[in-house]
Amino acid sequence: MDFSSQKIKSLLINNIKECVSYLLPGGEFYQDRFYLGNLGKDKIIVEIKGEKAGNWNDIYKEKKGDILSLWTFVEGNIDSAKKWLNTKAEKNSTLQENGEKVFSVRHYLNDKSPMPKDIIGPRILTPGGLLVIGGTPKVGKSNFLLSLLAHLAAGIPFLDMKPAKPLKIFYLQNEMEYSDMRERLLQLKIDQNLLDLVKENLVITKKIPLTLNPEGIRSMIAKKLDAKTVDLIVIDSFLDYGSMLSFLKSGMDKLRFITNPMAGVILTHHTKKVSSAILKKNPFQALSGSNILRSAYTSGIVMFKPNERTNTLKVMYELRNSKPITKYIRKINGCWKTIATV
């Protein structure tokens, strides 16, 4: 798509809410304005309606301008706005017909193109989808996750979850120090013939603050992977509710923007302190911030011990595009196995 400065400005204003949420994660909309405040750094106010839509003012730094200058102020140059608009257009305009977004039933039924393959089947994680893995504290989420990712990177099933191919995975984590991660990786039980795929396809950060700065993440990915080939982005995990909310509002789009627009995302999370009875009855409602999470994710997994006297975990799947799944798993001789019952 060709852009003039005026065209870019017009398109950004037409998408003003998504635009400012992308540029300034953590801000809030109130009436006809958007507000972002970082004490002593920035206090930015953006007009979002009327003739002044896109005009902004940074009170602390005494800067102001239109939406183009705001983009440049945050991103450094206007070229990334063209990429953002192109990515948005590609995502929202799939199967457009002469610029239209409305199709007849005849068109849908006559479309014989193959359906997109699940990133993780069956329907566990679909293209552009979000999978949330939650569990009670110390239940073994990170151990479970690392085993899952190693299998996905090798292109082999894990507890009946099947990758479409060996997946290229970027794993951002703040759970384990370097030495702890190295120890866990050495303990992985995986076919030695497939280990080279895991070494090539799975990239893991050391324990770092998850600020999700796009330029920093782009730099980290570029050192190990071609960013545009990333199939799966994993976040393990946010320490506070505000960071998670900001990620769901705009951070997820930013990560996909610098990698693959249809990349899948896995986010680990925790459950609230509730009784075992409540957890068994409605485990997904026990997720902290469950209402927001369940409206945002395409799939959810919650794991917990149904009986504290055993090491068996009950794993429940909530899938937007398929029937729910329940299974019991246990780690036996270093490998996660499905078992018939508790």
C-alpha atoms as a PDB file:
ATOM      1  CA  MET A   1       0.000   0.000   0.000  1.00  0.00           C
ATOM      2  CA  ASP A   2       1.384   3.431  -1.002  1.00  0.00           C
ATOM      3  CA  PHE A   3       1.221   6.187   1.607  1.00  0.00           C
ATOM      4  CA  SER A   4       1.585   9.949   1.551  1.00  0.00           C
ATOM      5  CA  SER A   5       1.978  11.797   4.853  1.00  0.00           C
ATOM      6  CA  GLN A   6      -1.617  13.000   4.579  1.00  0.00           C
ATOM      7  CA  LYS A   7      -2.838   9.463   3.865  1.00  0.00           C
ATOM      8  CA  ILE A   8      -0.955   8.091   6.879  1.00  0.00           C
ATOM      9  CA  LYS A   9      -2.380  10.837   9.075  1.00  0.00           C
ATOM     10  CA  SER A  10      -5.910  10.159   7.857  1.00  0.00           C
ATOM     11  CA  LEU A  11      -5.623   6.396   8.423  1.00  0.00           C
ATOM     12  CA  LEU A  12      -4.138   6.822  11.903  1.00  0.00           C
ATOM     13  CA  ILE A  13      -6.953   9.187  12.880  1.00  0.00           C
ATOM     14  CA  ASN A  14      -9.523   6.737  11.479  1.00  0.00           C
ATOM     15  CA  ASN A  15      -8.015   4.141  13.813  1.00  0.00           C
ATOM     16  CA  ILE A  16      -7.233   6.585  16.621  1.00  0.00           C
ATOM     17  CA  LYS A  17      -8.146   4.383  19.582  1.00  0.00           C
ATOM     18  CA  GLU A  18      -6.134   1.392  18.377  1.00  0.00           C
ATOM     19  CA  CYS A  19      -3.305   3.718  17.380  1.00  0.00           C
ATOM     20  CA  VAL A  20      -2.866   5.442  20.754  1.00  0.00           C
ATOM     21  CA  SER A  21      -3.347   2.169  22.655  1.00  0.00           C
ATOM     22  CA  TYR A  22      -0.564   0.676  20.548  1.00  0.00           C
ATOM     23  CA  LEU A  23       1.759   3.663  20.990  1.00  0.00           C
ATOM     24  CA  LEU A  24       1.028   4.330  24.654  1.00  0.00           C
ATOM     25  CA  PRO A  25       0.118   1.080  26.457  1.00  0.00           C
ATOM     26  CA  GLY A  26      -1.089   1.623  29.988  1.00  0.00           C
ATOM     27  CA  GLY A  27      -3.051   4.794  29.247  1.00  0.00           C
ATOM     28  CA  GLU A  28      -6.765   5.266  29.774  1.00  0.00           C
ATOM     29  CA  PHE A  29      -9.657   6.698  27.735  1.00  0.00           C
ATOM     30  CA  TYR A  30     -11.883   9.205  29.489  1.00  0.00           C
ATOM     31  CA  GLN A  31     -14.635  11.074  27.674  1.00  0.00           C
ATOM     32  CA  ASP A  32     -13.065  12.527  24.483  1.00  0.00           C
ATOM     33  CA  ARG A  33      -9.419  12.122  25.470  1.00  0.00           C
ATOM     34  CA  PHE A  34      -6.728   9.558  26.135  1.00  0.00           C
ATOM     35  CA  TYR A  35      -4.421  10.000  29.146  1.00  0.00           C
ATOM     36  CA  LEU A  36      -1.019   8.509  29.950  1.00  0.00           C
ATOM     37  CA  GLY A  37       0.899   9.553  33.043  1.00  0.00           C
ATOM     38  CA  ASN A  38       4.360   8.478  34.235  1.00  0.00           C
ATOM     39  CA  LEU A  39       5.292  10.643  37.197  1.00  0.00           C
ATOM     40  CA  GLY A  40       8.243  12.888  36.316  1.00  0.00           C
ATOM     41  CA  LYS A  41       8.563  11.458  32.778  1.00  0.00           C
ATOM     42  CA  ASP A  42       5.474  12.022  30.660  1.00  0.00           C
ATOM     43  CA  LYS A  43       1.958  13.254  31.063  1.00  0.00           C
ATOM     44  CA  ILE A  44       0.449  12.891  27.621  1.00  0.00           C
ATOM     45  CA  ILE A  45      -3.071  13.846  26.636  1.00  0.00           C
ATOM     46  CA  VAL A  46      -4.408  12.889  23.188  1.00  0.00           C
ATOM     47  CA  GLU A  47      -7.631  14.175  21.620  1.00  0.00           C
ATOM     48  CA  ILE A  48      -9.591  11.278  20.163  1.00  0.00           C
ATOM     49  CA  LYS A  49     -12.710  12.955  18.737  1.00  0.00           C
ATOM     50  CA  GLY A  50     -13.676  15.858  16.523  1.00  0.00           C
ATOM     51  CA  GLU A  51     -11.525  18.132  14.390  1.00  0.00           C
ATOM     52  CA  LYS A  52      -8.636  17.935  16.878  1.00  0.00           C
ATOM     53  CA  ALA A  53      -8.486  14.111  16.883  1.00  0.00           C
ATOM     54  CA  GLY A  54      -4.862  13.016  17.080  1.00  0.00           C
ATOM     55  CA  ASN A  55      -3.573  16.259  18.559  1.00  0.00           C
ATOM     56  CA  TRP A  56      -1.488  15.648  21.676  1.00  0.00           C
ATOM     57  CA  ASN A  57       0.330  17.455  24.443  1.00  0.00           C
ATOM     58  CA  ASP A  58       3.090  16.211  26.781  1.00  0.00           C
ATOM     59  CA  ILE A  59       2.768  18.517  29.785  1.00  0.00           C
ATOM     60  CA  TYR A  60       6.018  17.505  31.517  1.00  0.00           C
ATOM     61  CA  LYS A  61       8.206  17.698  28.413  1.00  0.00           C
ATOM     62  CA  GLU A  62       6.347  20.664  26.903  1.00  0.00           C
ATOM     63  CA  LYS A  63       5.878  18.923  23.570  1.00  0.00           C
ATOM     64  CA  LYS A  64       2.803  18.811  21.367  1.00  0.00           C
ATOM     65  CA  GLY A  65       1.707  18.123  17.808  1.00  0.00           C
ATOM     66  CA  ASP A  66      -0.521  15.996  15.590  1.00  0.00           C
ATOM     67  CA  ILE A  67      -0.828  12.223  15.321  1.00  0.00           C
ATOM     68  CA  LEU A  68       2.137  11.992  12.928  1.00  0.00           C
ATOM     69  CA  SER A  69       4.433  13.759  15.362  1.00  0.00           C
ATOM     70  CA  LEU A  70       3.139  11.581  18.222  1.00  0.00           C
ATOM     71  CA  TRP A  71       4.035   8.456  16.266  1.00  0.00           C
ATOM     72  CA  THR A  72       7.505   9.843  15.546  1.00  0.00           C
ATOM     73  CA  PHE A  73       7.895  10.948  19.186  1.00  0.00           C
ATOM     74  CA  VAL A  74       7.233   7.393  20.421  1.00  0.00           C
ATOM     75  CA  GLU A  75       8.592   5.183  17.615  1.00  0.00           C
ATOM     76  CA  GLY A  76      11.409   7.349  16.274  1.00  0.00           C
ATOM     77  CA  ASN A  77      10.233   7.538  12.659  1.00  0.00           C
ATOM     78  CA  ILE A  78       7.072   7.385  10.580  1.00  0.00           C
ATOM     79  CA  ASP A  79       8.131   4.287   8.592  1.00  0.00           C
ATOM     80  CA  SER A  80       6.879   1.991  11.342  1.00  0.00           C
ATOM     81  CA  ALA A  81       3.424   3.610  10.990  1.00  0.00           C
ATOM     82  CA  LYS A  82       3.323   2.389   7.388  1.00  0.00           C
ATOM     83  CA  LYS A  83       4.202  -1.124   8.547  1.00  0.00           C
ATOM     84  CA  TRP A  84       1.574  -0.983  11.313  1.00  0.00           C
ATOM     85  CA  LEU A  85      -1.107   0.142   8.878  1.00  0.00           C
ATOM     86  CA  ASN A  86      -0.105  -2.505   6.334  1.00  0.00           C
ATOM     87  CA  THR A  87      -0.184  -5.223   8.994  1.00  0.00           C
ATOM     88  CA  LYS A  88      -3.565  -4.014  10.188  1.00  0.00           C
ATOM     89  CA  ALA A  89      -4.867  -3.931   6.622  1.00  0.00           C
ATOM     90  CA  GLU A  90      -3.616  -7.472   5.926  1.00  0.00           C
ATOM     91  CA  LYS A  91      -5.167  -8.794   9.127  1.00  0.00           C
ATOM     92  CA  ASN A  92      -8.520  -7.090   8.704  1.00  0.00           C
ATOM     93  CA  SER A  93      -8.874  -7.419   4.939  1.00  0.00           C
ATOM     94  CA  THR A  94      -8.362 -11.140   4.423  1.00  0.00           C
ATOM     95  CA  LEU A  95     -10.758 -12.402   1.747  1.00  0.00           C
ATOM     96  CA  GLN A  96     -11.926  -8.903   0.810  1.00  0.00           C
ATOM     97  CA  GLU A  97     -13.831  -8.673  -2.432  1.00  0.00           C
ATOM     98  CA  ASN A  98     -13.439  -5.340  -4.275  1.00  0.00           C
ATOM     99  CA  GLY A  99     -12.693  -3.694  -0.969  1.00  0.00           C
ATOM    100  CA  GLU A 100     -15.823  -5.140   0.668  1.00  0.00           C
ATOM    101  CA  LYS A 101     -15.872  -6.882   4.053  1.00  0.00           C
ATOM    102  CA  VAL A 102     -19.351  -8.361   3.670  1.00  0.00           C
ATOM    103  CA  PHE A 103     -19.885 -11.630   1.825  1.00  0.00           C
ATOM    104  CA  SER A 104     -22.902 -13.623   0.714  1.00  0.00           C
ATOM    105  CA  VAL A 105     -23.431 -17.137   1.997  1.00  0.00           C
ATOM    106  CA  ARG A 106     -22.778 -18.251  -1.600  1.00  0.00           C
ATOM    107  CA  HIS A 107     -19.282 -16.730  -1.412  1.00  0.00           C
ATOM    108  CA  TYR A 108     -18.488 -18.485   1.875  1.00  0.00           C
ATOM    109  CA  LEU A 109     -19.732 -21.849   0.614  1.00  0.00           C
ATOM    110  CA  ASN A 110     -17.960 -21.514  -2.738  1.00  0.00           C
ATOM    111  CA  ASP A 111     -14.625 -20.725  -1.092  1.00  0.00           C
ATOM    112  CA  LYS A 112     -12.688 -23.972  -1.457  1.00  0.00           C
ATOM    113  CA  SER A 113      -9.378 -22.670  -0.097  1.00  0.00           C
ATOM    114  CA  PRO A 114      -7.915 -24.856   2.693  1.00  0.00           C
ATOM    115  CA  MET A 115      -8.684 -23.905   6.276  1.00  0.00           C
ATOM    116  CA  PRO A 116      -5.703 -22.494   8.235  1.00  0.00           C
ATOM    117  CA  LYS A 117      -3.890 -25.229  10.154  1.00  0.00           C
ATOM    118  CA  ASP A 118      -3.950 -25.122  13.943  1.00  0.00           C
ATOM    119  CA  ILE A 119      -0.655 -23.970  15.421  1.00  0.00           C
ATOM    120  CA  ILE A 120      -1.325 -26.525  18.155  1.00  0.00           C
ATOM    121  CA  GLY A 121      -4.072 -29.038  17.450  1.00  0.00           C
ATOM    122  CA  PRO A 122      -6.695 -30.090  17.951  1.00  0.00           C
ATOM    123  CA  ARG A 123      -7.922 -26.458  18.211  1.00  0.00           C
ATOM    124  CA  ILE A 124      -5.670 -25.801  21.217  1.00  0.00           C
ATOM    125  CA  LEU A 125      -4.075 -22.738  19.583  1.00  0.00           C
ATOM    126  CA  THR A 126      -5.293 -21.349  16.267  1.00  0.00           C
ATOM    127  CA  PRO A 127      -3.474 -18.767  14.056  1.00  0.00           C
ATOM    128  CA  GLY A 128      -3.465 -15.378  15.755  1.00  0.00           C
ATOM    129  CA  GLY A 129      -4.901 -16.949  18.905  1.00  0.00           C
ATOM    130  CA  LEU A 130      -4.108 -16.594  22.609  1.00  0.00           C
ATOM    131  CA  LEU A 131      -3.715 -19.596  24.930  1.00  0.00           C
ATOM    132  CA  VAL A 132      -3.663 -18.906  28.676  1.00  0.00           C
ATOM    133  CA  ILE A 133      -2.156 -21.594  30.922  1.00  0.00           C
ATOM    134  CA  GLY A 134      -3.118 -21.079  34.544  1.00  0.00           C
ATOM    135  CA  GLY A 135      -2.648 -22.983  37.742  1.00  0.00           C
ATOM    136  CA  THR A 136      -2.319 -22.870  41.476  1.00  0.00           C
ATOM    137  CA  PRO A 137       1.050 -21.716  42.921  1.00  0.00           C
ATOM    138  CA  LYS A 138       3.882 -24.278  42.719  1.00  0.00           C
ATOM    139  CA  VAL A 139       1.714 -26.726  40.807  1.00  0.00           C
ATOM    140  CA  GLY A 140       4.370 -27.102  38.100  1.00  0.00           C
ATOM    141  CA  LYS A 141       3.276 -24.673  35.359  1.00  0.00           C
ATOM    142  CA  SER A 142       6.801 -23.696  34.308  1.00  0.00           C
ATOM    143  CA  ASN A 143       7.943 -27.331  34.254  1.00  0.00           C
ATOM    144  CA  PHE A 144       4.885 -28.318  32.216  1.00  0.00           C
ATOM    145  CA  LEU A 145       5.382 -25.334  29.892  1.00  0.00           C
ATOM    146  CA  LEU A 146       9.054 -26.061  29.212  1.00  0.00           C
ATOM    147  CA  SER A 147       8.282 -29.669  28.304  1.00  0.00           C
ATOM    148  CA  LEU A 148       5.433 -28.523  26.061  1.00  0.00           C
ATOM    149  CA  LEU A 149       7.625 -25.972  24.248  1.00  0.00           C
ATOM    150  CA  ALA A 150      10.466 -28.448  23.699  1.00  0.00           C
ATOM    151  CA  HIS A 151       8.057 -30.896  22.068  1.00  0.00           C
ATOM    152  CA  LEU A 152       6.463 -28.176  19.924  1.00  0.00           C
ATOM    153  CA  ALA A 153       9.898 -26.982  18.791  1.00  0.00           C
ATOM    154  CA  ALA A 154      10.724 -30.571  17.786  1.00  0.00           C
ATOM    155  CA  GLY A 155       7.400 -30.900  15.954  1.00  0.00           C
ATOM    156  CA  ILE A 156       6.126 -33.800  18.073  1.00  0.00           C
ATOM    157  CA  PRO A 157       2.951 -34.215  20.180  1.00  0.00           C
ATOM    158  CA  PHE A 158       2.870 -33.525  23.907  1.00  0.00           C
ATOM    159  CA  LEU A 159      -0.026 -34.992  25.906  1.00  0.00           C
ATOM    160  CA  ASP A 160      -2.099 -35.186  22.689  1.00  0.00           C
ATOM    161  CA  MET A 161      -1.334 -31.550  21.757  1.00  0.00           C
ATOM    162  CA  LYS A 162       0.052 -31.646  18.216  1.00  0.00           C
ATOM    163  CA  PRO A 163       2.062 -28.901  16.482  1.00  0.00           C
ATOM    164  CA  ALA A 164       1.452 -28.339  12.773  1.00  0.00           C
ATOM    165  CA  LYS A 165       5.226 -28.487  12.219  1.00  0.00           C
ATOM    166  CA  PRO A 166       8.392 -27.883  14.263  1.00  0.00           C
ATOM    167  CA  LEU A 167       7.532 -24.447  15.676  1.00  0.00           C
ATOM    168  CA  LYS A 168       9.901 -21.513  15.995  1.00  0.00           C
ATOM    169  CA  ILE A 169       9.334 -20.226  19.533  1.00  0.00           C
ATOM    170  CA  PHE A 170      10.424 -17.099  21.387  1.00  0.00           C
ATOM    171  CA  TYR A 171      10.033 -17.598  25.151  1.00  0.00           C
ATOM    172  CA  LEU A 172      10.131 -14.498  27.388  1.00  0.00           C
ATOM    173  CA  GLN A 173      10.334 -15.442  31.040  1.00  0.00           C
ATOM    174  CA  ASN A 174      10.888 -13.953  34.486  1.00  0.00           C
ATOM    175  CA  GLU A 175      10.514 -17.180  36.460  1.00  0.00           C
ATOM    176  CA  MET A 176      13.947 -18.847  36.375  1.00  0.00           C
ATOM    177  CA  GLU A 177      17.514 -17.654  36.660  1.00  0.00           C
ATOM    178  CA  TYR A 178      19.971 -18.740  33.953  1.00  0.00           C
ATOM    179  CA  SER A 179      21.424 -21.624  35.994  1.00  0.00           C
ATOM    180  CA  ASP A 180      17.963 -22.906  36.965  1.00  0.00           C
ATOM    181  CA  MET A 181      16.813 -22.842  33.341  1.00  0.00           C
ATOM    182  CA  ARG A 182      19.957 -24.673  32.243  1.00  0.00           C
ATOM    183  CA  GLU A 183      19.335 -27.358  34.881  1.00  0.00           C
ATOM    184  CA  ARG A 184      15.721 -27.807  33.755  1.00  0.00           C
ATOM    185  CA  LEU A 185      16.768 -28.095  30.112  1.00  0.00           C
ATOM    186  CA  LEU A 186      19.361 -30.741  30.950  1.00  0.00           C
ATOM    187  CA  GLN A 187      16.606 -32.771  32.645  1.00  0.00           C
ATOM    188  CA  LEU A 188      14.316 -32.736  29.597  1.00  0.00           C
ATOM    189  CA  LYS A 189      13.405 -36.172  28.291  1.00  0.00           C
ATOM    190  CA  ILE A 190      13.312 -35.915  24.498  1.00  0.00           C
ATOM    191  CA  ASP A 191      14.493 -38.082  21.628  1.00  0.00           C
ATOM    192  CA  GLN A 192      18.137 -37.271  20.911  1.00  0.00           C
ATOM    193  CA  ASN A 193      17.420 -37.399  17.177  1.00  0.00           C
ATOM    194  CA  LEU A 194      15.033 -34.452  17.640  1.00  0.00           C
ATOM    195  CA  LEU A 195      17.190 -32.460  20.016  1.00  0.00           C
ATOM    196  CA  ASP A 196      18.821 -30.483  17.190  1.00  0.00           C
ATOM    197  CA  LEU A 197      15.392 -29.103  16.230  1.00  0.00           C
ATOM    198  CA  VAL A 198      14.803 -27.974  19.808  1.00  0.00           C
ATOM    199  CA  LYS A 199      18.213 -26.291  19.904  1.00  0.00           C
ATOM    200  CA  GLU A 200      17.467 -24.486  16.640  1.00  0.00           C
ATOM    201  CA  ASN A 201      13.823 -23.524  17.145  1.00  0.00           C
ATOM    202  CA  LEU A 202      13.427 -22.681  20.849  1.00  0.00           C
ATOM    203  CA  VAL A 203      14.924 -19.391  22.087  1.00  0.00           C
ATOM    204  CA  ILE A 204      14.626 -18.560  25.804  1.00  0.00           C
ATOM    205  CA  THR A 205      15.499 -15.351  27.632  1.00  0.00           C
ATOM    206  CA  LYS A 206      17.175 -15.347  30.993  1.00  0.00           C
ATOM    207  CA  LYS A 207      15.059 -14.017  33.874  1.00  0.00           C
ATOM    208  CA  ILE A 208      14.215 -10.449  32.796  1.00  0.00           C
ATOM    209  CA  PRO A 209      11.582  -7.814  33.657  1.00  0.00           C
ATOM    210  CA  LEU A 210       8.735  -8.192  31.175  1.00  0.00           C
ATOM    211  CA  THR A 211       8.423  -4.572  30.054  1.00  0.00           C
ATOM    212  CA  LEU A 212       7.636  -5.708  26.497  1.00  0.00           C
ATOM    213  CA  ASN A 213       9.564  -2.861  24.916  1.00  0.00           C
ATOM    214  CA  PRO A 214       9.159  -3.595  21.180  1.00  0.00           C
ATOM    215  CA  GLU A 215      12.609  -2.405  20.141  1.00  0.00           C
ATOM    216  CA  GLY A 216      14.284  -4.402  22.905  1.00  0.00           C
ATOM    217  CA  ILE A 217      12.344  -7.535  22.001  1.00  0.00           C
ATOM    218  CA  ARG A 218      13.028  -7.066  18.281  1.00  0.00           C
ATOM    219  CA  SER A 219      16.732  -6.869  19.093  1.00  0.00           C
ATOM    220  CA  MET A 220      16.621 -10.021  21.237  1.00  0.00           C
ATOM    221  CA  ILE A 221      14.761 -12.016  18.588  1.00  0.00           C
ATOM    222  CA  ALA A 222      17.002 -10.806  15.764  1.00  0.00           C
ATOM    223  CA  LYS A 223      20.079 -12.242  17.505  1.00  0.00           C
ATOM    224  CA  LYS A 224      18.670 -15.781  17.361  1.00  0.00           C
ATOM    225  CA  LEU A 225      15.730 -15.994  14.927  1.00  0.00           C
ATOM    226  CA  ASP A 226      14.305 -14.376  11.833  1.00  0.00           C
ATOM    227  CA  ALA A 227      11.506 -12.438  13.553  1.00  0.00           C
ATOM    228  CA  LYS A 228       9.044 -12.965  10.687  1.00  0.00           C
ATOM    229  CA  THR A 229       9.339 -16.748  11.028  1.00  0.00           C
ATOM    230  CA  VAL A 230       8.302 -16.858  14.688  1.00  0.00           C
ATOM    231  CA  ASP A 231       5.284 -19.158  15.099  1.00  0.00           C
ATOM    232  CA  LEU A 232       4.791 -18.820  18.837  1.00  0.00           C
ATOM    233  CA  ILE A 233       5.479 -16.123  21.452  1.00  0.00           C
ATOM    234  CA  VAL A 234       5.409 -17.214  25.105  1.00  0.00           C
ATOM    235  CA  ILE A 235       5.113 -14.925  28.154  1.00  0.00           C
ATOM    236  CA  ASP A 236       5.861 -16.493  31.552  1.00  0.00           C
ATOM    237  CA  SER A 237       4.560 -14.520  33.408  1.00  0.00           C
ATOM    238  CA  PHE A 238       3.308 -11.048  34.380  1.00  0.00           C
ATOM    239  CA  LEU A 239       3.798 -10.162  38.039  1.00  0.00           C
ATOM    240  CA  ASP A 240       1.014  -7.603  38.249  1.00  0.00           C
ATOM    241  CA  TYR A 241      -2.482  -7.174  36.910  1.00  0.00           C
ATOM    242  CA  GLY A 242      -1.730  -3.805  35.259  1.00  0.00           C
ATOM    243  CA  SER A 243       1.028  -5.257  33.062  1.00  0.00           C
ATOM    244  CA  MET A 244      -1.209  -8.106  31.980  1.00  0.00           C
ATOM    245  CA  LEU A 245      -4.052  -5.728  31.135  1.00  0.00           C
ATOM    246  CA  SER A 246      -1.722  -3.510  29.093  1.00  0.00           C
ATOM    247  CA  PHE A 247      -0.487  -6.586  27.229  1.00  0.00           C
ATOM    248  CA  LEU A 248      -4.008  -7.704  26.356  1.00  0.00           C
ATOM    249  CA  LYS A 249      -4.969  -4.181  25.220  1.00  0.00           C
ATOM    250  CA  SER A 250      -2.002  -3.453  22.965  1.00  0.00           C
ATOM    251  CA  GLY A 251       1.148  -5.389  23.879  1.00  0.00           C
ATOM    252  CA  MET A 252       0.047  -8.541  22.076  1.00  0.00           C
ATOM    253  CA  ASP A 253      -0.471  -6.599  18.841  1.00  0.00           C
ATOM    254  CA  LYS A 254       2.954  -4.976  19.236  1.00  0.00           C
ATOM    255  CA  LEU A 255       4.645  -8.356  19.586  1.00  0.00           C
ATOM    256  CA  ARG A 256       2.880  -9.688  16.518  1.00  0.00           C
ATOM    257  CA  PHE A 257       3.728  -6.484  14.632  1.00  0.00           C
ATOM    258  CA  ILE A 258       7.467  -7.060  15.109  1.00  0.00           C
ATOM    259  CA  THR A 259       7.224 -10.796  14.376  1.00  0.00           C
ATOM    260  CA  ASN A 260       4.415 -12.601  12.574  1.00  0.00           C
ATOM    261  CA  PRO A 261       0.876 -11.075  12.491  1.00  0.00           C
ATOM    262  CA  MET A 262      -0.640 -14.566  12.785  1.00  0.00           C
ATOM    263  CA  ALA A 263       1.728 -15.866  15.480  1.00  0.00           C
ATOM    264  CA  GLY A 264       0.138 -17.681  18.378  1.00  0.00           C
ATOM    265  CA  VAL A 265       0.675 -16.392  21.917  1.00  0.00           C
ATOM    266  CA  ILE A 266       0.880 -18.399  25.142  1.00  0.00           C
ATOM    267  CA  LEU A 267       0.526 -16.545  28.437  1.00  0.00           C
ATOM    268  CA  THR A 268       0.967 -18.208  31.834  1.00  0.00           C
ATOM    269  CA  HIS A 269      -1.073 -16.945  34.746  1.00  0.00           C
ATOM    270  CA  HIS A 270      -2.177 -17.923  38.233  1.00  0.00           C
ATOM    271  CA  THR A 271      -5.425 -18.716  39.972  1.00  0.00           C
ATOM    272  CA  LYS A 272      -6.892 -16.804  42.880  1.00  0.00           C
ATOM    273  CA  LYS A 273      -6.805 -18.247  46.382  1.00  0.00           C
ATOM    274  CA  VAL A 274     -10.021 -20.225  46.383  1.00  0.00           C
ATOM    275  CA  SER A 275     -11.163 -23.438  47.977  1.00  0.00           C
ATOM    276  CA  SER A 276     -10.588 -26.761  46.256  1.00  0.00           C
ATOM    277  CA  ALA A 277     -14.346 -27.164  45.881  1.00  0.00           C
ATOM    278  CA  ILE A 278     -14.656 -23.878  43.949  1.00  0.00           C
ATOM    279  CA  LEU A 279     -11.592 -24.681  41.860  1.00  0.00           C
ATOM    280  CA  LYS A 280     -13.016 -28.057  40.856  1.00  0.00           C
ATOM    281  CA  LYS A 281     -16.447 -26.606  40.071  1.00  0.00           C
ATOM    282  CA  ASN A 282     -15.337 -23.690  37.879  1.00  0.00           C
ATOM    283  CA  PRO A 283     -11.553 -23.596  37.417  1.00  0.00           C
ATOM    284  CA  PHE A 284     -11.542 -20.939  34.669  1.00  0.00           C
ATOM    285  CA  GLN A 285     -13.450 -18.476  36.822  1.00  0.00           C
ATOM    286  CA  ALA A 286     -10.704 -18.964  39.422  1.00  0.00           C
ATOM    287  CA  LEU A 287      -8.133 -17.327  37.126  1.00  0.00           C
ATOM    288  CA  SER A 288      -7.094 -13.932  38.462  1.00  0.00           C
ATOM    289  CA  GLY A 289      -8.847 -11.365  36.241  1.00  0.00           C
ATOM    290  CA  SER A 290     -10.909 -14.184  34.749  1.00  0.00           C
ATOM    291  CA  ASN A 291     -13.588 -12.014  33.121  1.00  0.00           C
ATOM    292  CA  ILE A 292     -11.055 -10.058  31.066  1.00  0.00           C
ATOM    293  CA  LEU A 293      -8.891 -13.089  30.313  1.00  0.00           C
ATOM    294  CA  ARG A 294     -11.770 -15.273  29.175  1.00  0.00           C
ATOM    295  CA  SER A 295     -13.042 -12.562  26.853  1.00  0.00           C
ATOM    296  CA  ALA A 296      -9.539 -12.184  25.360  1.00  0.00           C
ATOM    297  CA  TYR A 297      -8.281 -15.738  24.958  1.00  0.00           C
ATOM    298  CA  THR A 298      -9.193 -18.309  22.346  1.00  0.00           C
ATOM    299  CA  SER A 299      -8.171 -21.199  24.618  1.00  0.00           C
ATOM    300  CA  GLY A 300      -7.535 -21.697  28.301  1.00  0.00           C
ATOM    301  CA  ILE A 301      -5.847 -24.427  30.331  1.00  0.00           C
ATOM    302  CA  VAL A 302      -6.108 -24.652  34.115  1.00  0.00           C
ATOM    303  CA  MET A 303      -4.184 -27.228  36.137  1.00  0.00           C
ATOM    304  CA  PHE A 304      -4.472 -28.115  39.797  1.00  0.00           C
ATOM    305  CA  LYS A 305      -4.134 -31.005  42.229  1.00  0.00           C
ATOM    306  CA  PRO A 306      -7.546 -32.576  42.852  1.00  0.00           C
ATOM    307  CA  ASN A 307      -5.997 -34.424  45.766  1.00  0.00           C
ATOM    308  CA  GLU A 308      -3.072 -32.913  47.708  1.00  0.00           C
ATOM    309  CA  ARG A 309      -1.926 -36.370  48.778  1.00  0.00           C
ATOM    310  CA  THR A 310      -0.905 -37.330  45.222  1.00  0.00           C
ATOM    311  CA  ASN A 311       1.247 -35.797  42.488  1.00  0.00           C
ATOM    312  CA  THR A 312      -1.506 -36.148  39.913  1.00  0.00           C
ATOM    313  CA  LEU A 313      -2.699 -32.981  38.181  1.00  0.00           C
ATOM    314  CA  LYS A 314      -6.131 -32.401  36.743  1.00  0.00           C
ATOM    315  CA  VAL A 315      -5.860 -30.437  33.503  1.00  0.00           C
ATOM    316  CA  MET A 316      -8.951 -28.789  32.032  1.00  0.00           C
ATOM    317  CA  TYR A 317      -9.151 -27.129  28.609  1.00  0.00           C
ATOM    318  CA  GLU A 318     -11.634 -24.415  27.608  1.00  0.00           C
ATOM    319  CA  LEU A 319     -11.620 -24.087  23.814  1.00  0.00           C
ATOM    320  CA  ARG A 320     -13.560 -21.403  21.976  1.00  0.00           C
ATOM    321  CA  ASN A 321     -13.631 -23.451  18.774  1.00  0.00           C
ATOM    322  CA  SER A 322     -14.125 -26.952  20.144  1.00  0.00           C
ATOM    323  CA  LYS A 323     -15.480 -29.019  23.010  1.00  0.00           C
ATOM    324  CA  PRO A 324     -13.867 -28.807  26.471  1.00  0.00           C
ATOM    325  CA  ILE A 325     -11.279 -31.430  27.426  1.00  0.00           C
ATOM    326  CA  THR A 326     -10.378 -32.886  30.818  1.00  0.00           C
ATOM    327  CA  LYS A 327      -7.429 -35.155  31.541  1.00  0.00           C
ATOM    328  CA  TYR A 328      -5.222 -36.278  34.401  1.00  0.00           C
ATOM    329  CA  ILE A 329      -1.440 -36.153  34.111  1.00  0.00           C
ATOM    330  CA  ARG A 330       1.542 -37.124  36.219  1.00  0.00           C
ATOM    331  CA  LYS A 331       5.296 -36.839  35.828  1.00  0.00           C
ATOM    332  CA  ILE A 332       6.761 -40.347  35.671  1.00  0.00           C
ATOM    333  CA  ASN A 333      10.528 -40.880  35.323  1.00  0.00           C
ATOM    334  CA  GLY A 334      10.937 -37.277  34.172  1.00  0.00           C
ATOM    335  CA  CYS A 335       8.207 -37.451  31.503  1.00  0.00           C
ATOM    336  CA  TRP A 336       4.665 -36.091  31.657  1.00  0.00           C
ATOM    337  CA  LYS A 337       2.137 -38.874  31.073  1.00  0.00           C
ATOM    338  CA  THR A 338      -1.629 -39.003  30.732  1.00  0.00           C
ATOM    339  CA  ILE A 339      -3.176 -41.376  33.263  1.00  0.00           C
ATOM    340  CA  ALA A 340      -6.645 -42.888  33.322  1.00  0.00           C
ATOM    341  CA  THR A 341      -7.806 -41.520  36.677  1.00  0.00           C
ATOM    342  CA  VAL A 342      -6.688 -40.059  40.010  1.00  0.00           C
END
